[in-house]
Amino acid sequence: MPAMIQSAGSKLASVNNPPDAHEAQIIRSWNTNAKPWARAIQAGSIRSRQLVTDRAIVDAVSSVAPRRILDVGCGEGWLARRLSASGIQVTGVDAVTELIAEARRLGGGEFHVQAYDAIASGLWRSGPFDAAVCNFSLLGEESVDALIGALGGYLRETGYLIVQTLHPVAACGDNPYRDGWRPGNWSGFGSEFRDPAPWYFRTLESWISLLRRSGFELIECREPTAPDAAAPASVIFVGKRCGAEQTDPF
């Protein structure tokens, strides 16, 4: 897939093409579960996040010392609030209106309802940012390919992309270790969660390849692990923009 969308015609085609059924189901699921998700985050009831992954993403962002960041898939804005307390200016985007409304209510940044395809096509205009952060917010296949390919155009020439996602080795389970759609579940989240979103599994090699062909040099790979855990809770990729390989989407 091309790293950037090159023409106005292709921009409109990208936005107007009907979404993949899996991609559409992801959006439906998050609209359905927006309220319980916001409650769970604010109550701190997701154990893995409290033990390791929340602190891990804050530390990873802080390590590149950004002044202004784009939080992609910001949800109800917890990361923006945490980072803004350290003096970082945060712009958050999410496709779920109810989550953005909650983020605005709680404050800590500037928040916008934006679908990933609008960001990928350049129809949304903002930046430049020192870093873009995707914290467990990259669930799709083509939508993620296009988004990552376009994010460099929203960054400064030496900007960073920081992605935290499920560790492929730990999350593969008994399935074959190859890219493909997997069914979601809300195991451990409580009875108020329903209609789980599918997600697109990528191997470590596939994640690294996606970053590289999208114009990012991988400068660090972190594997946050909870105390006494047998496997990592997640993987964090820290990429730096290769300015010469990027085309501004605007």
C-alpha atoms as a PDB file:
ATOM      1  CA  MET A   1       0.000   0.000   0.000  1.00  0.00           C
ATOM      2  CA  PRO A   2       1.432   3.457  -0.878  1.00  0.00           C
ATOM      3  CA  ALA A   3       2.824   5.358   2.076  1.00  0.00           C
ATOM      4  CA  MET A   4       0.885   8.479   1.199  1.00  0.00           C
ATOM      5  CA  ILE A   5      -2.273   9.321  -0.750  1.00  0.00           C
ATOM      6  CA  GLN A   6      -1.064  11.488  -3.595  1.00  0.00           C
ATOM      7  CA  SER A   7      -4.007  13.208  -5.283  1.00  0.00           C
ATOM      8  CA  ALA A   8      -7.317  14.842  -4.500  1.00  0.00           C
ATOM      9  CA  GLY A   9      -9.047  12.173  -6.565  1.00  0.00           C
ATOM     10  CA  SER A  10      -7.537   9.365  -4.550  1.00  0.00           C
ATOM     11  CA  LYS A  11      -8.348  11.213  -1.320  1.00  0.00           C
ATOM     12  CA  LEU A  12     -12.031  11.281  -2.211  1.00  0.00           C
ATOM     13  CA  ALA A  13     -11.965   7.679  -3.378  1.00  0.00           C
ATOM     14  CA  SER A  14     -10.443   6.593  -0.074  1.00  0.00           C
ATOM     15  CA  VAL A  15     -13.141   8.358   1.918  1.00  0.00           C
ATOM     16  CA  ASN A  16     -16.047   7.239  -0.285  1.00  0.00           C
ATOM     17  CA  ASN A  17     -15.145   3.555  -0.647  1.00  0.00           C
ATOM     18  CA  PRO A  18     -17.401   1.327   1.470  1.00  0.00           C
ATOM     19  CA  PRO A  19     -15.577   0.134   4.589  1.00  0.00           C
ATOM     20  CA  ASP A  20     -14.527  -3.458   5.099  1.00  0.00           C
ATOM     21  CA  ALA A  21     -17.086  -5.319   7.229  1.00  0.00           C
ATOM     22  CA  HIS A  22     -14.513  -5.884   9.982  1.00  0.00           C
ATOM     23  CA  GLU A  23     -13.550  -2.221  10.024  1.00  0.00           C
ATOM     24  CA  ALA A  24     -17.210  -1.170  10.243  1.00  0.00           C
ATOM     25  CA  GLN A  25     -17.783  -3.613  13.110  1.00  0.00           C
ATOM     26  CA  ILE A  26     -14.912  -2.038  15.066  1.00  0.00           C
ATOM     27  CA  ILE A  27     -16.611   1.368  14.929  1.00  0.00           C
ATOM     28  CA  ARG A  28     -20.002  -0.126  15.862  1.00  0.00           C
ATOM     29  CA  SER A  29     -18.498  -1.907  18.843  1.00  0.00           C
ATOM     30  CA  TRP A  30     -16.807   1.186  20.218  1.00  0.00           C
ATOM     31  CA  ASN A  31     -19.938   3.273  19.803  1.00  0.00           C
ATOM     32  CA  THR A  32     -21.867   0.578  21.675  1.00  0.00           C
ATOM     33  CA  ASN A  33     -19.335   0.353  24.494  1.00  0.00           C
ATOM     34  CA  ALA A  34     -18.314   3.992  24.877  1.00  0.00           C
ATOM     35  CA  LYS A  35     -20.009   4.516  28.254  1.00  0.00           C
ATOM     36  CA  PRO A  36     -18.753   1.374  30.005  1.00  0.00           C
ATOM     37  CA  TRP A  37     -15.286   1.917  28.573  1.00  0.00           C
ATOM     38  CA  ALA A  38     -15.088   5.469  29.932  1.00  0.00           C
ATOM     39  CA  ARG A  39     -16.284   4.243  33.333  1.00  0.00           C
ATOM     40  CA  ALA A  40     -13.719   1.427  33.366  1.00  0.00           C
ATOM     41  CA  ILE A  41     -10.837   3.756  32.492  1.00  0.00           C
ATOM     42  CA  GLN A  42     -11.821   6.352  35.073  1.00  0.00           C
ATOM     43  CA  ALA A  43     -12.313   3.699  37.771  1.00  0.00           C
ATOM     44  CA  GLY A  44      -8.951   2.115  36.996  1.00  0.00           C
ATOM     45  CA  SER A  45     -10.557  -1.307  36.717  1.00  0.00           C
ATOM     46  CA  ILE A  46      -8.421  -2.654  33.840  1.00  0.00           C
ATOM     47  CA  ARG A  47      -5.673  -4.475  35.707  1.00  0.00           C
ATOM     48  CA  SER A  48      -3.035  -4.620  32.967  1.00  0.00           C
ATOM     49  CA  ARG A  49      -3.272  -0.886  32.426  1.00  0.00           C
ATOM     50  CA  GLN A  50      -2.896  -0.139  36.106  1.00  0.00           C
ATOM     51  CA  LEU A  51       0.010  -2.542  36.553  1.00  0.00           C
ATOM     52  CA  VAL A  52       2.119  -1.666  33.545  1.00  0.00           C
ATOM     53  CA  THR A  53       0.799  -0.319  30.239  1.00  0.00           C
ATOM     54  CA  ASP A  54      -0.473   3.137  31.270  1.00  0.00           C
ATOM     55  CA  ARG A  55       2.861   4.031  32.855  1.00  0.00           C
ATOM     56  CA  ALA A  56       4.705   2.445  29.942  1.00  0.00           C
ATOM     57  CA  ILE A  57       3.131   4.703  27.309  1.00  0.00           C
ATOM     58  CA  VAL A  58       3.601   7.822  29.440  1.00  0.00           C
ATOM     59  CA  ASP A  59       7.276   6.952  29.885  1.00  0.00           C
ATOM     60  CA  ALA A  60       7.712   6.274  26.162  1.00  0.00           C
ATOM     61  CA  VAL A  61       6.173   9.618  25.192  1.00  0.00           C
ATOM     62  CA  SER A  62       8.189  11.469  27.811  1.00  0.00           C
ATOM     63  CA  SER A  63      11.400   9.890  26.502  1.00  0.00           C
ATOM     64  CA  VAL A  64      11.197  11.899  23.259  1.00  0.00           C
ATOM     65  CA  ALA A  65      10.453  15.172  25.116  1.00  0.00           C
ATOM     66  CA  PRO A  66       7.633  16.459  22.892  1.00  0.00           C
ATOM     67  CA  ARG A  67       5.992  19.830  23.378  1.00  0.00           C
ATOM     68  CA  ARG A  68       2.931  19.085  21.241  1.00  0.00           C
ATOM     69  CA  ILE A  69       1.472  15.669  20.455  1.00  0.00           C
ATOM     70  CA  LEU A  70      -1.375  14.107  18.498  1.00  0.00           C
ATOM     71  CA  ASP A  71      -3.190  11.366  20.446  1.00  0.00           C
ATOM     72  CA  VAL A  72      -4.777   9.137  17.781  1.00  0.00           C
ATOM     73  CA  GLY A  73      -7.738   7.148  19.087  1.00  0.00           C
ATOM     74  CA  CYS A  74      -7.667   9.127  22.317  1.00  0.00           C
ATOM     75  CA  GLY A  75     -10.889   7.665  23.731  1.00  0.00           C
ATOM     76  CA  GLU A  76     -12.066   9.562  26.808  1.00  0.00           C
ATOM     77  CA  GLY A  77      -8.755  11.416  27.006  1.00  0.00           C
ATOM     78  CA  TRP A  78      -6.943   9.876  29.993  1.00  0.00           C
ATOM     79  CA  LEU A  79      -3.537  10.060  28.266  1.00  0.00           C
ATOM     80  CA  ALA A  80      -4.052  13.706  27.314  1.00  0.00           C
ATOM     81  CA  ARG A  81      -4.837  14.554  30.925  1.00  0.00           C
ATOM     82  CA  ARG A  82      -1.775  12.681  32.195  1.00  0.00           C
ATOM     83  CA  LEU A  83       0.558  14.311  29.666  1.00  0.00           C
ATOM     84  CA  SER A  84      -0.889  17.802  29.973  1.00  0.00           C
ATOM     85  CA  ALA A  85      -0.090  17.681  33.689  1.00  0.00           C
ATOM     86  CA  SER A  86       3.561  17.547  32.587  1.00  0.00           C
ATOM     87  CA  GLY A  87       3.179  20.595  30.356  1.00  0.00           C
ATOM     88  CA  ILE A  88       2.665  18.771  27.049  1.00  0.00           C
ATOM     89  CA  GLN A  89       0.065  20.219  24.688  1.00  0.00           C
ATOM     90  CA  VAL A  90      -2.227  17.441  23.436  1.00  0.00           C
ATOM     91  CA  THR A  91      -4.664  17.252  20.538  1.00  0.00           C
ATOM     92  CA  GLY A  92      -6.803  14.118  20.696  1.00  0.00           C
ATOM     93  CA  VAL A  93      -8.846  12.562  17.898  1.00  0.00           C
ATOM     94  CA  ASP A  94     -11.309   9.678  17.961  1.00  0.00           C
ATOM     95  CA  ALA A  95     -14.099   8.455  15.721  1.00  0.00           C
ATOM     96  CA  VAL A  96     -16.505   7.897  18.638  1.00  0.00           C
ATOM     97  CA  THR A  97     -18.526  11.027  19.390  1.00  0.00           C
ATOM     98  CA  GLU A  98     -19.479   9.962  22.916  1.00  0.00           C
ATOM     99  CA  LEU A  99     -15.853   9.392  23.919  1.00  0.00           C
ATOM    100  CA  ILE A 100     -14.803  12.781  22.569  1.00  0.00           C
ATOM    101  CA  ALA A 101     -17.663  14.427  24.470  1.00  0.00           C
ATOM    102  CA  GLU A 102     -16.373  12.840  27.676  1.00  0.00           C
ATOM    103  CA  ALA A 103     -12.797  13.891  26.882  1.00  0.00           C
ATOM    104  CA  ARG A 104     -13.941  17.482  26.387  1.00  0.00           C
ATOM    105  CA  ARG A 105     -15.884  17.373  29.633  1.00  0.00           C
ATOM    106  CA  LEU A 106     -12.863  16.178  31.588  1.00  0.00           C
ATOM    107  CA  GLY A 107     -10.388  18.473  29.818  1.00  0.00           C
ATOM    108  CA  GLY A 108      -6.650  18.192  29.441  1.00  0.00           C
ATOM    109  CA  GLY A 109      -6.425  18.877  25.731  1.00  0.00           C
ATOM    110  CA  GLU A 110      -8.120  19.845  22.495  1.00  0.00           C
ATOM    111  CA  PHE A 111     -10.363  17.059  21.192  1.00  0.00           C
ATOM    112  CA  HIS A 112     -11.910  16.382  17.790  1.00  0.00           C
ATOM    113  CA  VAL A 113     -14.241  13.743  16.354  1.00  0.00           C
ATOM    114  CA  GLN A 114     -12.310  12.398  13.371  1.00  0.00           C
ATOM    115  CA  ALA A 115     -12.403   9.119  11.483  1.00  0.00           C
ATOM    116  CA  TYR A 116      -9.072   7.570  10.569  1.00  0.00           C
ATOM    117  CA  ASP A 117      -9.778   7.795   6.835  1.00  0.00           C
ATOM    118  CA  ALA A 118     -10.222  11.570   7.090  1.00  0.00           C
ATOM    119  CA  ILE A 119      -6.837  11.831   8.804  1.00  0.00           C
ATOM    120  CA  ALA A 120      -5.238   9.478   6.274  1.00  0.00           C
ATOM    121  CA  SER A 121      -6.601  11.397   3.300  1.00  0.00           C
ATOM    122  CA  GLY A 122      -5.607  14.835   4.574  1.00  0.00           C
ATOM    123  CA  LEU A 123      -9.217  16.052   4.824  1.00  0.00           C
ATOM    124  CA  TRP A 124      -8.469  16.832   8.480  1.00  0.00           C
ATOM    125  CA  ARG A 125      -5.803  19.508   8.775  1.00  0.00           C
ATOM    126  CA  SER A 126      -3.718  20.083  11.856  1.00  0.00           C
ATOM    127  CA  GLY A 127      -0.140  20.095  13.097  1.00  0.00           C
ATOM    128  CA  PRO A 128       2.721  19.980  12.844  1.00  0.00           C
ATOM    129  CA  PHE A 129       3.197  17.883  15.989  1.00  0.00           C
ATOM    130  CA  ASP A 130       6.370  16.739  17.693  1.00  0.00           C
ATOM    131  CA  ALA A 131       4.937  13.231  18.087  1.00  0.00           C
ATOM    132  CA  ALA A 132       1.886  11.127  17.295  1.00  0.00           C
ATOM    133  CA  VAL A 133       0.776   8.495  19.809  1.00  0.00           C
ATOM    134  CA  CYS A 134      -1.423   5.466  19.134  1.00  0.00           C
ATOM    135  CA  ASN A 135      -2.135   3.714  22.424  1.00  0.00           C
ATOM    136  CA  PHE A 136      -3.994   0.432  21.816  1.00  0.00           C
ATOM    137  CA  SER A 137      -5.937   2.281  19.115  1.00  0.00           C
ATOM    138  CA  LEU A 138      -4.833   0.446  15.941  1.00  0.00           C
ATOM    139  CA  LEU A 139      -7.274  -2.431  15.466  1.00  0.00           C
ATOM    140  CA  GLY A 140      -7.925  -2.440  11.727  1.00  0.00           C
ATOM    141  CA  GLU A 141      -6.094  -3.572   8.609  1.00  0.00           C
ATOM    142  CA  GLU A 142      -6.420  -1.165   5.668  1.00  0.00           C
ATOM    143  CA  SER A 143      -7.474   1.739   7.904  1.00  0.00           C
ATOM    144  CA  VAL A 144      -4.308   1.334   9.962  1.00  0.00           C
ATOM    145  CA  ASP A 145      -2.067   0.948   6.907  1.00  0.00           C
ATOM    146  CA  ALA A 146      -3.413   4.204   5.463  1.00  0.00           C
ATOM    147  CA  LEU A 147      -3.339   6.049   8.779  1.00  0.00           C
ATOM    148  CA  ILE A 148       0.261   5.165   9.634  1.00  0.00           C
ATOM    149  CA  GLY A 149       1.278   5.999   6.083  1.00  0.00           C
ATOM    150  CA  ALA A 150      -0.154   9.495   6.458  1.00  0.00           C
ATOM    151  CA  LEU A 151       0.867  10.411   9.996  1.00  0.00           C
ATOM    152  CA  GLY A 152       4.322  11.600   8.978  1.00  0.00           C
ATOM    153  CA  GLY A 153       2.661  14.472   7.162  1.00  0.00           C
ATOM    154  CA  TYR A 154       1.256  15.729  10.472  1.00  0.00           C
ATOM    155  CA  LEU A 155       4.645  15.706  12.180  1.00  0.00           C
ATOM    156  CA  ARG A 156       7.646  17.959  12.232  1.00  0.00           C
ATOM    157  CA  GLU A 157      10.544  16.833  10.071  1.00  0.00           C
ATOM    158  CA  THR A 158      12.107  14.998  13.007  1.00  0.00           C
ATOM    159  CA  GLY A 159       8.829  13.992  14.658  1.00  0.00           C
ATOM    160  CA  TYR A 160       8.127  10.680  16.368  1.00  0.00           C
ATOM    161  CA  LEU A 161       5.458   7.996  16.126  1.00  0.00           C
ATOM    162  CA  ILE A 162       4.835   5.950  19.282  1.00  0.00           C
ATOM    163  CA  VAL A 163       2.594   2.885  19.066  1.00  0.00           C
ATOM    164  CA  GLN A 164       1.569   0.638  21.951  1.00  0.00           C
ATOM    165  CA  THR A 165      -0.297  -2.526  21.016  1.00  0.00           C
ATOM    166  CA  LEU A 166      -0.768  -6.108  22.188  1.00  0.00           C
ATOM    167  CA  HIS A 167       2.489  -8.021  21.996  1.00  0.00           C
ATOM    168  CA  PRO A 168       2.092 -10.354  18.990  1.00  0.00           C
ATOM    169  CA  VAL A 169       3.906 -13.261  20.606  1.00  0.00           C
ATOM    170  CA  ALA A 170       1.836 -13.039  23.804  1.00  0.00           C
ATOM    171  CA  ALA A 171      -1.458 -12.322  22.016  1.00  0.00           C
ATOM    172  CA  CYS A 172      -1.168 -15.014  19.349  1.00  0.00           C
ATOM    173  CA  GLY A 173      -2.417 -17.770  21.603  1.00  0.00           C
ATOM    174  CA  ASP A 174      -2.899 -21.090  19.821  1.00  0.00           C
ATOM    175  CA  ASN A 175      -3.501 -19.448  16.448  1.00  0.00           C
ATOM    176  CA  PRO A 176      -0.960 -19.563  13.616  1.00  0.00           C
ATOM    177  CA  TYR A 177       1.629 -16.799  13.896  1.00  0.00           C
ATOM    178  CA  ARG A 178       0.617 -14.886  10.778  1.00  0.00           C
ATOM    179  CA  ASP A 179      -1.304 -11.733   9.936  1.00  0.00           C
ATOM    180  CA  GLY A 180      -5.085 -11.982   9.898  1.00  0.00           C
ATOM    181  CA  TRP A 181      -8.357 -10.971  11.496  1.00  0.00           C
ATOM    182  CA  ARG A 182      -9.123 -12.306  14.961  1.00  0.00           C
ATOM    183  CA  PRO A 183     -12.407 -12.239  16.905  1.00  0.00           C
ATOM    184  CA  GLY A 184     -12.497  -9.883  19.863  1.00  0.00           C
ATOM    185  CA  ASN A 185     -13.780 -10.503  23.352  1.00  0.00           C
ATOM    186  CA  TRP A 186     -14.479  -8.571  26.533  1.00  0.00           C
ATOM    187  CA  SER A 187     -13.226 -11.285  28.864  1.00  0.00           C
ATOM    188  CA  GLY A 188     -12.687  -9.806  32.310  1.00  0.00           C
ATOM    189  CA  PHE A 189     -14.430  -6.530  31.503  1.00  0.00           C
ATOM    190  CA  GLY A 190     -17.872  -7.163  33.019  1.00  0.00           C
ATOM    191  CA  SER A 191     -21.367  -7.871  31.768  1.00  0.00           C
ATOM    192  CA  GLU A 192     -22.091  -4.333  30.563  1.00  0.00           C
ATOM    193  CA  PHE A 193     -19.640  -4.775  27.675  1.00  0.00           C
ATOM    194  CA  ARG A 194     -21.062  -6.388  24.542  1.00  0.00           C
ATOM    195  CA  ASP A 195     -20.531  -6.730  20.780  1.00  0.00           C
ATOM    196  CA  PRO A 196     -16.713  -7.095  20.931  1.00  0.00           C
ATOM    197  CA  ALA A 197     -14.704  -5.625  18.074  1.00  0.00           C
ATOM    198  CA  PRO A 198     -12.607  -7.836  15.812  1.00  0.00           C
ATOM    199  CA  TRP A 199      -8.952  -6.899  15.464  1.00  0.00           C
ATOM    200  CA  TYR A 200      -6.265  -7.437  12.866  1.00  0.00           C
ATOM    201  CA  PHE A 201      -3.327  -9.447  14.186  1.00  0.00           C
ATOM    202  CA  ARG A 202       0.124  -8.455  12.916  1.00  0.00           C
ATOM    203  CA  THR A 203       3.394 -10.213  13.598  1.00  0.00           C
ATOM    204  CA  LEU A 204       6.364  -8.252  14.924  1.00  0.00           C
ATOM    205  CA  GLU A 205       7.871  -8.366  11.450  1.00  0.00           C
ATOM    206  CA  SER A 206       4.681  -6.928   9.944  1.00  0.00           C
ATOM    207  CA  TRP A 207       4.531  -4.058  12.450  1.00  0.00           C
ATOM    208  CA  ILE A 208       8.140  -3.132  11.794  1.00  0.00           C
ATOM    209  CA  SER A 209       7.627  -3.371   8.024  1.00  0.00           C
ATOM    210  CA  LEU A 210       4.565  -1.108   8.239  1.00  0.00           C
ATOM    211  CA  LEU A 211       6.510   1.548  10.121  1.00  0.00           C
ATOM    212  CA  ARG A 212       9.430   1.431   7.714  1.00  0.00           C
ATOM    213  CA  ARG A 213       7.420   1.621   4.509  1.00  0.00           C
ATOM    214  CA  SER A 214       5.446   4.493   6.051  1.00  0.00           C
ATOM    215  CA  GLY A 215       8.616   6.536   6.413  1.00  0.00           C
ATOM    216  CA  PHE A 216       9.604   5.870  10.030  1.00  0.00           C
ATOM    217  CA  GLU A 217      12.920   4.618  11.328  1.00  0.00           C
ATOM    218  CA  LEU A 218      12.405   2.278  14.272  1.00  0.00           C
ATOM    219  CA  ILE A 219      14.656   3.618  17.017  1.00  0.00           C
ATOM    220  CA  GLU A 220      13.349   1.647  19.978  1.00  0.00           C
ATOM    221  CA  CYS A 221      11.166  -1.348  20.784  1.00  0.00           C
ATOM    222  CA  ARG A 222       9.969  -1.740  24.365  1.00  0.00           C
ATOM    223  CA  GLU A 223       8.252  -4.787  25.913  1.00  0.00           C
ATOM    224  CA  PRO A 224       6.457  -3.681  29.091  1.00  0.00           C
ATOM    225  CA  THR A 225       5.994  -6.626  31.436  1.00  0.00           C
ATOM    226  CA  ALA A 226       4.073  -6.763  34.698  1.00  0.00           C
ATOM    227  CA  PRO A 227       5.913  -7.963  37.795  1.00  0.00           C
ATOM    228  CA  ASP A 228       6.153 -11.762  37.871  1.00  0.00           C
ATOM    229  CA  ALA A 229       4.380 -12.044  34.491  1.00  0.00           C
ATOM    230  CA  ALA A 230       5.409 -14.824  32.115  1.00  0.00           C
ATOM    231  CA  ALA A 231       4.986 -12.702  28.981  1.00  0.00           C
ATOM    232  CA  PRO A 232       5.012  -9.021  28.002  1.00  0.00           C
ATOM    233  CA  ALA A 233       1.772  -7.085  28.461  1.00  0.00           C
ATOM    234  CA  SER A 234       2.379  -5.128  25.263  1.00  0.00           C
ATOM    235  CA  VAL A 235       4.950  -3.892  22.801  1.00  0.00           C
ATOM    236  CA  ILE A 236       5.807  -0.242  22.207  1.00  0.00           C
ATOM    237  CA  PHE A 237       7.358   0.877  18.936  1.00  0.00           C
ATOM    238  CA  VAL A 238       9.122   4.249  18.864  1.00  0.00           C
ATOM    239  CA  GLY A 239       9.714   5.470  15.327  1.00  0.00           C
ATOM    240  CA  LYS A 240      11.307   8.662  14.056  1.00  0.00           C
ATOM    241  CA  ARG A 241      10.183  10.339  10.869  1.00  0.00           C
ATOM    242  CA  CYS A 242      12.478  10.068   7.877  1.00  0.00           C
ATOM    243  CA  GLY A 243      11.593  13.445   6.372  1.00  0.00           C
ATOM    244  CA  ALA A 244      13.019  12.777   2.939  1.00  0.00           C
ATOM    245  CA  GLU A 245      10.663   9.821   2.471  1.00  0.00           C
ATOM    246  CA  GLN A 246       7.454  11.623   3.405  1.00  0.00           C
ATOM    247  CA  THR A 247       4.999  13.601   1.319  1.00  0.00           C
ATOM    248  CA  ASP A 248       2.859  16.234   3.017  1.00  0.00           C
ATOM    249  CA  PRO A 249      -0.828  15.150   2.728  1.00  0.00           C
ATOM    250  CA  PHE A 250      -1.974  18.771   2.557  1.00  0.00           C
END
